[in-house]
Amino acid sequence: MQLEDYFDFLGSDAREPQSSDAIRIKGHRIGIEHVLSYYHEGYNPDEIAKEFPGLSLEKIYATITYYLRHQAEVDAYLARLRERYEREYEEWAADPPPLVQRLRAIQEQRP
């Protein structure tokens, strides 16, 4: 088994982080960015496993190893995700759903 076999590279034909829209841990809807955010905060694999009880230690180690082997590409991927999430939030905040607008209006009316 190759390291890349632990992941689903969505929106991409090649198994390259720079061309992927999403990299998910195979068999899960969890993106590598979720595991790596804990890793970057200093969590060790056992602590990460407690945060994601459905993930095996093997998959957590595979995610960290993949990151360490492809650090520049994965860092670029993570930066693109952050930019996309920020852009999507700004678009949402500029035109929130009607329910959010009503709740804000109610909150503004309170003394």
PDB file of N, CA and C in Angstrom:
ATOM      1  N   MET A   1       0.844  -1.182   0.000  1.00  0.00           N
ATOM      2  CA  MET A   1       0.000   0.000   0.000  1.00  0.00           C
ATOM      3  C   MET A   1       0.887   1.243   0.000  1.00  0.00           C
ATOM      4  N   GLN A   2       0.542   2.181  -0.873  1.00  0.00           N
ATOM      5  CA  GLN A   2       1.273   3.436  -0.909  1.00  0.00           C
ATOM      6  C   GLN A   2       0.601   4.441   0.013  1.00  0.00           C
ATOM      7  N   LEU A   3       1.354   5.411   0.432  1.00  0.00           N
ATOM      8  CA  LEU A   3       0.845   6.419   1.353  1.00  0.00           C
ATOM      9  C   LEU A   3      -0.390   7.114   0.779  1.00  0.00           C
ATOM     10  N   GLU A   4      -0.395   7.415  -0.503  1.00  0.00           N
ATOM     11  CA  GLU A   4      -1.517   8.101  -1.143  1.00  0.00           C
ATOM     12  C   GLU A   4      -2.799   7.270  -1.106  1.00  0.00           C
ATOM     13  N   ASP A   5      -2.686   5.964  -0.931  1.00  0.00           N
ATOM     14  CA  ASP A   5      -3.861   5.094  -0.892  1.00  0.00           C
ATOM     15  C   ASP A   5      -4.734   5.338   0.342  1.00  0.00           C
ATOM     16  N   TYR A   6      -4.231   6.080   1.314  1.00  0.00           N
ATOM     17  CA  TYR A   6      -4.998   6.405   2.506  1.00  0.00           C
ATOM     18  C   TYR A   6      -5.974   7.567   2.274  1.00  0.00           C
ATOM     19  N   PHE A   7      -5.906   8.185   1.090  1.00  0.00           N
ATOM     20  CA  PHE A   7      -6.654   9.419   0.859  1.00  0.00           C
ATOM     21  C   PHE A   7      -7.483   9.358  -0.411  1.00  0.00           C
ATOM     22  N   ASP A   8      -8.544  10.158  -0.417  1.00  0.00           N
ATOM     23  CA  ASP A   8      -9.326  10.407  -1.620  1.00  0.00           C
ATOM     24  C   ASP A   8      -9.006  11.831  -2.052  1.00  0.00           C
ATOM     25  N   PHE A   9      -8.513  11.979  -3.269  1.00  0.00           N
ATOM     26  CA  PHE A   9      -8.173  13.274  -3.822  1.00  0.00           C
ATOM     27  C   PHE A   9      -9.343  13.702  -4.709  1.00  0.00           C
ATOM     28  N   LEU A  10     -10.177  14.573  -4.198  1.00  0.00           N
ATOM     29  CA  LEU A  10     -11.407  14.943  -4.883  1.00  0.00           C
ATOM     30  C   LEU A  10     -11.182  16.149  -5.790  1.00  0.00           C
ATOM     31  N   GLY A  11     -11.814  16.113  -6.934  1.00  0.00           N
ATOM     32  CA  GLY A  11     -11.693  17.228  -7.862  1.00  0.00           C
ATOM     33  C   GLY A  11     -10.368  17.262  -8.578  1.00  0.00           C
ATOM     34  N   SER A  12      -9.713  16.115  -8.679  1.00  0.00           N
ATOM     35  CA  SER A  12      -8.389  16.067  -9.268  1.00  0.00           C
ATOM     36  C   SER A  12      -8.172  14.707  -9.902  1.00  0.00           C
ATOM     37  N   ASP A  13      -7.460  14.693 -11.007  1.00  0.00           N
ATOM     38  CA  ASP A  13      -7.097  13.425 -11.630  1.00  0.00           C
ATOM     39  C   ASP A  13      -5.764  12.927 -11.083  1.00  0.00           C
ATOM     40  N   ALA A  14      -4.877  13.845 -10.836  1.00  0.00           N
ATOM     41  CA  ALA A  14      -3.556  13.470 -10.314  1.00  0.00           C
ATOM     42  C   ALA A  14      -3.588  13.503  -8.798  1.00  0.00           C
ATOM     43  N   ARG A  15      -2.745  12.732  -8.209  1.00  0.00           N
ATOM     44  CA  ARG A  15      -2.676  12.707  -6.748  1.00  0.00           C
ATOM     45  C   ARG A  15      -1.683  13.755  -6.269  1.00  0.00           C
ATOM     46  N   GLU A  16      -2.012  14.970  -6.582  1.00  0.00           N
ATOM     47  CA  GLU A  16      -1.168  16.094  -6.211  1.00  0.00           C
ATOM     48  C   GLU A  16      -1.994  17.097  -5.425  1.00  0.00           C
ATOM     49  N   PRO A  17      -1.548  17.489  -4.243  1.00  0.00           N
ATOM     50  CA  PRO A  17      -2.316  18.433  -3.433  1.00  0.00           C
ATOM     51  C   PRO A  17      -2.573  19.742  -4.160  1.00  0.00           C
ATOM     52  N   GLN A  18      -1.646  20.184  -4.994  1.00  0.00           N
ATOM     53  CA  GLN A  18      -1.819  21.471  -5.638  1.00  0.00           C
ATOM     54  C   GLN A  18      -2.956  21.462  -6.651  1.00  0.00           C
ATOM     55  N   SER A  19      -3.412  20.285  -7.080  1.00  0.00           N
ATOM     56  CA  SER A  19      -4.504  20.242  -8.045  1.00  0.00           C
ATOM     57  C   SER A  19      -5.783  19.681  -7.429  1.00  0.00           C
ATOM     58  N   SER A  20      -5.796  19.450  -6.130  1.00  0.00           N
ATOM     59  CA  SER A  20      -6.968  18.869  -5.479  1.00  0.00           C
ATOM     60  C   SER A  20      -7.865  19.947  -4.904  1.00  0.00           C
ATOM     61  N   ASP A  21      -9.174  19.731  -5.042  1.00  0.00           N
ATOM     62  CA  ASP A  21     -10.140  20.605  -4.396  1.00  0.00           C
ATOM     63  C   ASP A  21     -10.342  20.186  -2.953  1.00  0.00           C
ATOM     64  N   ALA A  22     -10.140  18.899  -2.683  1.00  0.00           N
ATOM     65  CA  ALA A  22     -10.284  18.388  -1.322  1.00  0.00           C
ATOM     66  C   ALA A  22      -9.488  17.099  -1.197  1.00  0.00           C
ATOM     67  N   ILE A  23      -8.885  16.932  -0.046  1.00  0.00           N
ATOM     68  CA  ILE A  23      -8.183  15.681   0.257  1.00  0.00           C
ATOM     69  C   ILE A  23      -8.833  15.121   1.508  1.00  0.00           C
ATOM     70  N   ARG A  24      -9.528  14.016   1.337  1.00  0.00           N
ATOM     71  CA  ARG A  24     -10.244  13.373   2.428  1.00  0.00           C
ATOM     72  C   ARG A  24      -9.530  12.086   2.825  1.00  0.00           C
ATOM     73  N   ILE A  25      -9.649  11.729   4.082  1.00  0.00           N
ATOM     74  CA  ILE A  25      -9.114  10.465   4.554  1.00  0.00           C
ATOM     75  C   ILE A  25     -10.069   9.373   4.066  1.00  0.00           C
ATOM     76  N   LYS A  26      -9.518   8.406   3.379  1.00  0.00           N
ATOM     77  CA  LYS A  26     -10.327   7.363   2.744  1.00  0.00           C
ATOM     78  C   LYS A  26     -11.249   6.697   3.760  1.00  0.00           C
ATOM     79  N   GLY A  27     -12.516   6.577   3.357  1.00  0.00           N
ATOM     80  CA  GLY A  27     -13.512   5.957   4.219  1.00  0.00           C
ATOM     81  C   GLY A  27     -14.156   6.915   5.206  1.00  0.00           C
ATOM     82  N   HIS A  28     -13.785   8.199   5.128  1.00  0.00           N
ATOM     83  CA  HIS A  28     -14.305   9.208   6.051  1.00  0.00           C
ATOM     84  C   HIS A  28     -14.625  10.482   5.283  1.00  0.00           C
ATOM     85  N   ARG A  29     -15.397  11.331   5.899  1.00  0.00           N
ATOM     86  CA  ARG A  29     -15.637  12.649   5.314  1.00  0.00           C
ATOM     87  C   ARG A  29     -14.698  13.685   5.914  1.00  0.00           C
ATOM     88  N   ILE A  30     -13.721  13.227   6.624  1.00  0.00           N
ATOM     89  CA  ILE A  30     -12.780  14.108   7.316  1.00  0.00           C
ATOM     90  C   ILE A  30     -11.656  14.488   6.361  1.00  0.00           C
ATOM     91  N   GLY A  31     -11.453  15.804   6.204  1.00  0.00           N
ATOM     92  CA  GLY A  31     -10.347  16.287   5.388  1.00  0.00           C
ATOM     93  C   GLY A  31      -9.055  16.262   6.171  1.00  0.00           C
ATOM     94  N   ILE A  32      -7.951  16.166   5.437  1.00  0.00           N
ATOM     95  CA  ILE A  32      -6.657  16.154   6.134  1.00  0.00           C
ATOM     96  C   ILE A  32      -6.437  17.436   6.909  1.00  0.00           C
ATOM     97  N   GLU A  33      -7.085  18.529   6.478  1.00  0.00           N
ATOM     98  CA  GLU A  33      -6.897  19.808   7.166  1.00  0.00           C
ATOM     99  C   GLU A  33      -7.351  19.743   8.618  1.00  0.00           C
ATOM    100  N   HIS A  34      -8.346  18.895   8.908  1.00  0.00           N
ATOM    101  CA  HIS A  34      -8.844  18.794  10.282  1.00  0.00           C
ATOM    102  C   HIS A  34      -7.817  18.111  11.190  1.00  0.00           C
ATOM    103  N   VAL A  35      -7.249  17.033  10.716  1.00  0.00           N
ATOM    104  CA  VAL A  35      -6.215  16.333  11.488  1.00  0.00           C
ATOM    105  C   VAL A  35      -4.982  17.223  11.618  1.00  0.00           C
ATOM    106  N   LEU A  36      -4.610  17.854  10.513  1.00  0.00           N
ATOM    107  CA  LEU A  36      -3.394  18.675  10.534  1.00  0.00           C
ATOM    108  C   LEU A  36      -3.547  19.924  11.390  1.00  0.00           C
ATOM    109  N   SER A  37      -4.764  20.433  11.551  1.00  0.00           N
ATOM    110  CA  SER A  37      -4.918  21.600  12.430  1.00  0.00           C
ATOM    111  C   SER A  37      -4.564  21.222  13.873  1.00  0.00           C
ATOM    112  N   TYR A  38      -4.970  20.032  14.292  1.00  0.00           N
ATOM    113  CA  TYR A  38      -4.587  19.568  15.638  1.00  0.00           C
ATOM    114  C   TYR A  38      -3.083  19.312  15.710  1.00  0.00           C
ATOM    115  N   TYR A  39      -2.542  18.723  14.668  1.00  0.00           N
ATOM    116  CA  TYR A  39      -1.098  18.460  14.623  1.00  0.00           C
ATOM    117  C   TYR A  39      -0.316  19.774  14.759  1.00  0.00           C
ATOM    118  N   HIS A  40      -0.762  20.800  14.033  1.00  0.00           N
ATOM    119  CA  HIS A  40      -0.072  22.095  14.099  1.00  0.00           C
ATOM    120  C   HIS A  40      -0.233  22.783  15.452  1.00  0.00           C
ATOM    121  N   GLU A  41      -1.291  22.423  16.178  1.00  0.00           N
ATOM    122  CA  GLU A  41      -1.482  22.976  17.523  1.00  0.00           C
ATOM    123  C   GLU A  41      -0.652  22.235  18.565  1.00  0.00           C
ATOM    124  N   GLY A  42       0.057  21.182  18.145  1.00  0.00           N
ATOM    125  CA  GLY A  42       0.933  20.471  19.056  1.00  0.00           C
ATOM    126  C   GLY A  42       0.376  19.170  19.605  1.00  0.00           C
ATOM    127  N   TYR A  43      -0.791  18.764  19.121  1.00  0.00           N
ATOM    128  CA  TYR A  43      -1.355  17.489  19.565  1.00  0.00           C
ATOM    129  C   TYR A  43      -0.519  16.341  19.008  1.00  0.00           C
ATOM    130  N   ASN A  44      -0.347  15.296  19.801  1.00  0.00           N
ATOM    131  CA  ASN A  44       0.334  14.104  19.290  1.00  0.00           C
ATOM    132  C   ASN A  44      -0.727  13.165  18.698  1.00  0.00           C
ATOM    133  N   PRO A  45      -0.322  12.151  17.951  1.00  0.00           N
ATOM    134  CA  PRO A  45      -1.307  11.267  17.299  1.00  0.00           C
ATOM    135  C   PRO A  45      -2.335  10.655  18.252  1.00  0.00           C
ATOM    136  N   ASP A  46      -1.927  10.269  19.449  1.00  0.00           N
ATOM    137  CA  ASP A  46      -2.887   9.710  20.405  1.00  0.00           C
ATOM    138  C   ASP A  46      -3.938  10.738  20.815  1.00  0.00           C
ATOM    139  N   GLU A  47      -3.516  11.977  20.998  1.00  0.00           N
ATOM    140  CA  GLU A  47      -4.459  13.041  21.356  1.00  0.00           C
ATOM    141  C   GLU A  47      -5.400  13.354  20.192  1.00  0.00           C
ATOM    142  N   ILE A  48      -4.867  13.316  18.979  1.00  0.00           N
ATOM    143  CA  ILE A  48      -5.699  13.543  17.796  1.00  0.00           C
ATOM    144  C   ILE A  48      -6.745  12.438  17.685  1.00  0.00           C
ATOM    145  N   ALA A  49      -6.351  11.207  17.970  1.00  0.00           N
ATOM    146  CA  ALA A  49      -7.280  10.075  17.909  1.00  0.00           C
ATOM    147  C   ALA A  49      -8.451  10.270  18.878  1.00  0.00           C
ATOM    148  N   LYS A  50      -8.202  10.917  20.001  1.00  0.00           N
ATOM    149  CA  LYS A  50      -9.291  11.182  20.950  1.00  0.00           C
ATOM    150  C   LYS A  50     -10.283  12.197  20.378  1.00  0.00           C
ATOM    151  N   GLU A  51      -9.796  13.097  19.546  1.00  0.00           N
ATOM    152  CA  GLU A  51     -10.667  14.094  18.919  1.00  0.00           C
ATOM    153  C   GLU A  51     -11.466  13.492  17.768  1.00  0.00           C
ATOM    154  N   PHE A  52     -10.927  12.463  17.155  1.00  0.00           N
ATOM    155  CA  PHE A  52     -11.566  11.785  16.018  1.00  0.00           C
ATOM    156  C   PHE A  52     -11.637  10.290  16.323  1.00  0.00           C
ATOM    157  N   PRO A  53     -12.557   9.875  17.185  1.00  0.00           N
ATOM    158  CA  PRO A  53     -12.580   8.474  17.605  1.00  0.00           C
ATOM    159  C   PRO A  53     -12.824   7.482  16.467  1.00  0.00           C
ATOM    160  N   GLY A  54     -13.360   7.928  15.354  1.00  0.00           N
ATOM    161  CA  GLY A  54     -13.589   7.033  14.230  1.00  0.00           C
ATOM    162  C   GLY A  54     -12.362   6.797  13.368  1.00  0.00           C
ATOM    163  N   LEU A  55     -11.320   7.570  13.591  1.00  0.00           N
ATOM    164  CA  LEU A  55     -10.081   7.423  12.815  1.00  0.00           C
ATOM    165  C   LEU A  55      -9.101   6.526  13.546  1.00  0.00           C
ATOM    166  N   SER A  56      -8.505   5.621  12.815  1.00  0.00           N
ATOM    167  CA  SER A  56      -7.486   4.758  13.411  1.00  0.00           C
ATOM    168  C   SER A  56      -6.180   5.545  13.548  1.00  0.00           C
ATOM    169  N   LEU A  57      -5.356   5.118  14.466  1.00  0.00           N
ATOM    170  CA  LEU A  57      -4.028   5.722  14.601  1.00  0.00           C
ATOM    171  C   LEU A  57      -3.246   5.586  13.301  1.00  0.00           C
ATOM    172  N   GLU A  58      -3.440   4.481  12.606  1.00  0.00           N
ATOM    173  CA  GLU A  58      -2.752   4.271  11.337  1.00  0.00           C
ATOM    174  C   GLU A  58      -3.069   5.396  10.355  1.00  0.00           C
ATOM    175  N   LYS A  59      -4.340   5.779  10.254  1.00  0.00           N
ATOM    176  CA  LYS A  59      -4.733   6.843   9.332  1.00  0.00           C
ATOM    177  C   LYS A  59      -4.233   8.209   9.794  1.00  0.00           C
ATOM    178  N   ILE A  60      -4.177   8.402  11.091  1.00  0.00           N
ATOM    179  CA  ILE A  60      -3.645   9.662  11.618  1.00  0.00           C
ATOM    180  C   ILE A  60      -2.153   9.764  11.320  1.00  0.00           C
ATOM    181  N   TYR A  61      -1.422   8.685  11.564  1.00  0.00           N
ATOM    182  CA  TYR A  61       0.003   8.684  11.236  1.00  0.00           C
ATOM    183  C   TYR A  61       0.219   8.855   9.737  1.00  0.00           C
ATOM    184  N   ALA A  62      -0.629   8.221   8.927  1.00  0.00           N
ATOM    185  CA  ALA A  62      -0.504   8.361   7.472  1.00  0.00           C
ATOM    186  C   ALA A  62      -0.701   9.812   7.056  1.00  0.00           C
ATOM    187  N   THR A  63      -1.666  10.488   7.676  1.00  0.00           N
ATOM    188  CA  THR A  63      -1.931  11.895   7.357  1.00  0.00           C
ATOM    189  C   THR A  63      -0.730  12.762   7.714  1.00  0.00           C
ATOM    190  N   ILE A  64      -0.180  12.549   8.879  1.00  0.00           N
ATOM    191  CA  ILE A  64       0.985  13.335   9.311  1.00  0.00           C
ATOM    192  C   ILE A  64       2.190  13.025   8.425  1.00  0.00           C
ATOM    193  N   THR A  65       2.404  11.765   8.115  1.00  0.00           N
ATOM    194  CA  THR A  65       3.528  11.377   7.261  1.00  0.00           C
ATOM    195  C   THR A  65       3.366  11.977   5.871  1.00  0.00           C
ATOM    196  N   TYR A  66       2.144  11.931   5.329  1.00  0.00           N
ATOM    197  CA  TYR A  66       1.900  12.525   4.015  1.00  0.00           C
ATOM    198  C   TYR A  66       2.232  14.013   4.050  1.00  0.00           C
ATOM    199  N   TYR A  67       1.802  14.677   5.120  1.00  0.00           N
ATOM    200  CA  TYR A  67       2.104  16.101   5.268  1.00  0.00           C
ATOM    201  C   TYR A  67       3.615  16.341   5.306  1.00  0.00           C
ATOM    202  N   LEU A  68       4.323  15.570   6.091  1.00  0.00           N
ATOM    203  CA  LEU A  68       5.769  15.782   6.224  1.00  0.00           C
ATOM    204  C   LEU A  68       6.510  15.501   4.915  1.00  0.00           C
ATOM    205  N   ARG A  69       6.023  14.564   4.132  1.00  0.00           N
ATOM    206  CA  ARG A  69       6.660  14.245   2.846  1.00  0.00           C
ATOM    207  C   ARG A  69       6.339  15.270   1.768  1.00  0.00           C
ATOM    208  N   HIS A  70       5.201  15.939   1.887  1.00  0.00           N
ATOM    209  CA  HIS A  70       4.744  16.880   0.866  1.00  0.00           C
ATOM    210  C   HIS A  70       4.415  18.231   1.495  1.00  0.00           C
ATOM    211  N   GLN A  71       5.248  18.653   2.415  1.00  0.00           N
ATOM    212  CA  GLN A  71       4.919  19.800   3.249  1.00  0.00           C
ATOM    213  C   GLN A  71       4.632  21.065   2.448  1.00  0.00           C
ATOM    214  N   ALA A  72       5.471  21.413   1.492  1.00  0.00           N
ATOM    215  CA  ALA A  72       5.259  22.653   0.736  1.00  0.00           C
ATOM    216  C   ALA A  72       3.933  22.608  -0.018  1.00  0.00           C
ATOM    217  N   GLU A  73       3.648  21.480  -0.660  1.00  0.00           N
ATOM    218  CA  GLU A  73       2.411  21.361  -1.431  1.00  0.00           C
ATOM    219  C   GLU A  73       1.188  21.365  -0.523  1.00  0.00           C
ATOM    220  N   VAL A  74       1.274  20.661   0.596  1.00  0.00           N
ATOM    221  CA  VAL A  74       0.126  20.608   1.509  1.00  0.00           C
ATOM    222  C   VAL A  74      -0.071  21.961   2.182  1.00  0.00           C
ATOM    223  N   ASP A  75       1.005  22.648   2.525  1.00  0.00           N
ATOM    224  CA  ASP A  75       0.859  23.992   3.089  1.00  0.00           C
ATOM    225  C   ASP A  75       0.160  24.920   2.101  1.00  0.00           C
ATOM    226  N   ALA A  76       0.496  24.813   0.817  1.00  0.00           N
ATOM    227  CA  ALA A  76      -0.168  25.613  -0.214  1.00  0.00           C
ATOM    228  C   ALA A  76      -1.647  25.235  -0.308  1.00  0.00           C
ATOM    229  N   TYR A  77      -1.932  23.946  -0.248  1.00  0.00           N
ATOM    230  CA  TYR A  77      -3.313  23.457  -0.256  1.00  0.00           C
ATOM    231  C   TYR A  77      -4.083  24.025   0.932  1.00  0.00           C
ATOM    232  N   LEU A  78      -3.498  23.975   2.122  1.00  0.00           N
ATOM    233  CA  LEU A  78      -4.150  24.487   3.323  1.00  0.00           C
ATOM    234  C   LEU A  78      -4.389  25.993   3.220  1.00  0.00           C
ATOM    235  N   ALA A  79      -3.442  26.715   2.640  1.00  0.00           N
ATOM    236  CA  ALA A  79      -3.611  28.158   2.456  1.00  0.00           C
ATOM    237  C   ALA A  79      -4.762  28.446   1.496  1.00  0.00           C
ATOM    238  N   ARG A  80      -4.876  27.654   0.422  1.00  0.00           N
ATOM    239  CA  ARG A  80      -5.994  27.826  -0.515  1.00  0.00           C
ATOM    240  C   ARG A  80      -7.332  27.556   0.174  1.00  0.00           C
ATOM    241  N   LEU A  81      -7.362  26.537   1.026  1.00  0.00           N
ATOM    242  CA  LEU A  81      -8.592  26.243   1.761  1.00  0.00           C
ATOM    243  C   LEU A  81      -8.979  27.402   2.669  1.00  0.00           C
ATOM    244  N   ARG A  82      -8.001  27.936   3.407  1.00  0.00           N
ATOM    245  CA  ARG A  82      -8.280  29.063   4.299  1.00  0.00           C
ATOM    246  C   ARG A  82      -8.821  30.247   3.513  1.00  0.00           C
ATOM    247  N   GLU A  83      -8.205  30.543   2.362  1.00  0.00           N
ATOM    248  CA  GLU A  83      -8.671  31.651   1.527  1.00  0.00           C
ATOM    249  C   GLU A  83     -10.100  31.407   1.043  1.00  0.00           C
ATOM    250  N   ARG A  84     -10.381  30.170   0.608  1.00  0.00           N
ATOM    251  CA  ARG A  84     -11.721  29.843   0.133  1.00  0.00           C
ATOM    252  C   ARG A  84     -12.740  29.965   1.259  1.00  0.00           C
ATOM    253  N   TYR A  85     -12.401  29.452   2.453  1.00  0.00           N
ATOM    254  CA  TYR A  85     -13.323  29.537   3.590  1.00  0.00           C
ATOM    255  C   TYR A  85     -13.591  30.995   3.967  1.00  0.00           C
ATOM    256  N   GLU A  86     -12.550  31.824   3.952  1.00  0.00           N
ATOM    257  CA  GLU A  86     -12.714  33.237   4.276  1.00  0.00           C
ATOM    258  C   GLU A  86     -13.589  33.935   3.237  1.00  0.00           C
ATOM    259  N   ARG A  87     -13.360  33.642   1.962  1.00  0.00           N
ATOM    260  CA  ARG A  87     -14.145  34.239   0.886  1.00  0.00           C
ATOM    261  C   ARG A  87     -15.612  33.809   0.994  1.00  0.00           C
ATOM    262  N   GLU A  88     -15.849  32.524   1.241  1.00  0.00           N
ATOM    263  CA  GLU A  88     -17.221  32.034   1.385  1.00  0.00           C
ATOM    264  C   GLU A  88     -17.910  32.669   2.591  1.00  0.00           C
ATOM    265  N   TYR A  89     -17.191  32.862   3.684  1.00  0.00           N
ATOM    266  CA  TYR A  89     -17.776  33.500   4.862  1.00  0.00           C
ATOM    267  C   TYR A  89     -18.125  34.951   4.564  1.00  0.00           C
ATOM    268  N   GLU A  90     -17.219  35.661   3.901  1.00  0.00           N
ATOM    269  CA  GLU A  90     -17.483  37.060   3.565  1.00  0.00           C
ATOM    270  C   GLU A  90     -18.711  37.182   2.660  1.00  0.00           C
ATOM    271  N   GLU A  91     -18.846  36.268   1.699  1.00  0.00           N
ATOM    272  CA  GLU A  91     -20.020  36.272   0.824  1.00  0.00           C
ATOM    273  C   GLU A  91     -21.283  36.000   1.639  1.00  0.00           C
ATOM    274  N   TRP A  92     -21.215  35.045   2.548  1.00  0.00           N
ATOM    275  CA  TRP A  92     -22.354  34.726   3.391  1.00  0.00           C
ATOM    276  C   TRP A  92     -22.711  35.915   4.278  1.00  0.00           C
ATOM    277  N   ALA A  93     -21.700  36.526   4.896  1.00  0.00           N
ATOM    278  CA  ALA A  93     -21.937  37.640   5.814  1.00  0.00           C
ATOM    279  C   ALA A  93     -22.509  38.846   5.082  1.00  0.00           C
ATOM    280  N   ALA A  94     -22.149  39.039   3.825  1.00  0.00           N
ATOM    281  CA  ALA A  94     -22.666  40.160   3.051  1.00  0.00           C
ATOM    282  C   ALA A  94     -24.142  39.978   2.719  1.00  0.00           C
ATOM    283  N   ASP A  95     -24.596  38.754   2.633  1.00  0.00           N
ATOM    284  CA  ASP A  95     -25.997  38.469   2.306  1.00  0.00           C
ATOM    285  C   ASP A  95     -26.455  37.243   3.086  1.00  0.00           C
ATOM    286  N   PRO A  96     -26.630  37.394   4.410  1.00  0.00           N
ATOM    287  CA  PRO A  96     -27.011  36.239   5.231  1.00  0.00           C
ATOM    288  C   PRO A  96     -28.424  35.760   4.910  1.00  0.00           C
ATOM    289  N   PRO A  97     -28.715  34.531   5.264  1.00  0.00           N
ATOM    290  CA  PRO A  97     -30.068  33.989   5.037  1.00  0.00           C
ATOM    291  C   PRO A  97     -31.119  34.808   5.796  1.00  0.00           C
ATOM    292  N   PRO A  98     -32.366  34.757   5.345  1.00  0.00           N
ATOM    293  CA  PRO A  98     -33.439  35.533   5.985  1.00  0.00           C
ATOM    294  C   PRO A  98     -33.564  35.266   7.486  1.00  0.00           C
ATOM    295  N   LEU A  99     -33.400  34.033   7.916  1.00  0.00           N
ATOM    296  CA  LEU A  99     -33.506  33.730   9.345  1.00  0.00           C
ATOM    297  C   LEU A  99     -32.458  34.505  10.142  1.00  0.00           C
ATOM    298  N   VAL A 100     -31.239  34.540   9.666  1.00  0.00           N
ATOM    299  CA  VAL A 100     -30.181  35.280  10.361  1.00  0.00           C
ATOM    300  C   VAL A 100     -30.515  36.765  10.389  1.00  0.00           C
ATOM    301  N   GLN A 101     -31.034  37.274   9.289  1.00  0.00           N
ATOM    302  CA  GLN A 101     -31.419  38.688   9.247  1.00  0.00           C
ATOM    303  C   GLN A 101     -32.509  39.000  10.273  1.00  0.00           C
ATOM    304  N   ARG A 102     -33.505  38.091  10.381  1.00  0.00           N
ATOM    305  CA  ARG A 102     -34.575  38.297  11.361  1.00  0.00           C
ATOM    306  C   ARG A 102     -34.039  38.246  12.789  1.00  0.00           C
ATOM    307  N   LEU A 103     -33.153  37.283  13.065  1.00  0.00           N
ATOM    308  CA  LEU A 103     -32.581  37.178  14.410  1.00  0.00           C
ATOM    309  C   LEU A 103     -31.758  38.412  14.761  1.00  0.00           C
ATOM    310  N   ARG A 104     -31.024  38.932  13.807  1.00  0.00           N
ATOM    311  CA  ARG A 104     -30.254  40.157  14.062  1.00  0.00           C
ATOM    312  C   ARG A 104     -31.174  41.328  14.330  1.00  0.00           C
ATOM    313  N   ALA A 105     -32.262  41.418  13.570  1.00  0.00           N
ATOM    314  CA  ALA A 105     -33.221  42.508  13.775  1.00  0.00           C
ATOM    315  C   ALA A 105     -33.832  42.423  15.170  1.00  0.00           C
ATOM    316  N   ILE A 106     -34.185  41.224  15.608  1.00  0.00           N
ATOM    317  CA  ILE A 106     -34.744  41.033  16.953  1.00  0.00           C
ATOM    318  C   ILE A 106     -33.726  41.437  18.003  1.00  0.00           C
ATOM    319  N   GLN A 107     -32.495  41.031  17.806  1.00  0.00           N
ATOM    320  CA  GLN A 107     -31.438  41.340  18.773  1.00  0.00           C
ATOM    321  C   GLN A 107     -31.206  42.854  18.851  1.00  0.00           C
ATOM    322  N   GLU A 108     -31.284  43.541  17.725  1.00  0.00           N
ATOM    323  CA  GLU A 108     -31.069  44.997  17.711  1.00  0.00           C
ATOM    324  C   GLU A 108     -32.205  45.736  18.430  1.00  0.00           C
ATOM    325  N   GLN A 109     -33.405  45.150  18.447  1.00  0.00           N
ATOM    326  CA  GLN A 109     -34.552  45.796  19.082  1.00  0.00           C
ATOM    327  C   GLN A 109     -34.530  45.662  20.598  1.00  0.00           C
ATOM    328  N   ARG A 110     -33.768  44.732  21.108  1.00  0.00           N
ATOM    329  CA  ARG A 110     -33.696  44.531  22.551  1.00  0.00           C
ATOM    330  C   ARG A 110     -32.902  45.653  23.200  1.00  0.00           C
ATOM    331  N   PRO A 111     -33.356  46.056  24.389  1.00  0.00           N
ATOM    332  CA  PRO A 111     -32.652  47.155  25.093  1.00  0.00           C
ATOM    333  C   PRO A 111     -31.295  46.752  25.612  1.00  0.00           C
TER     334      PRO A 111
END
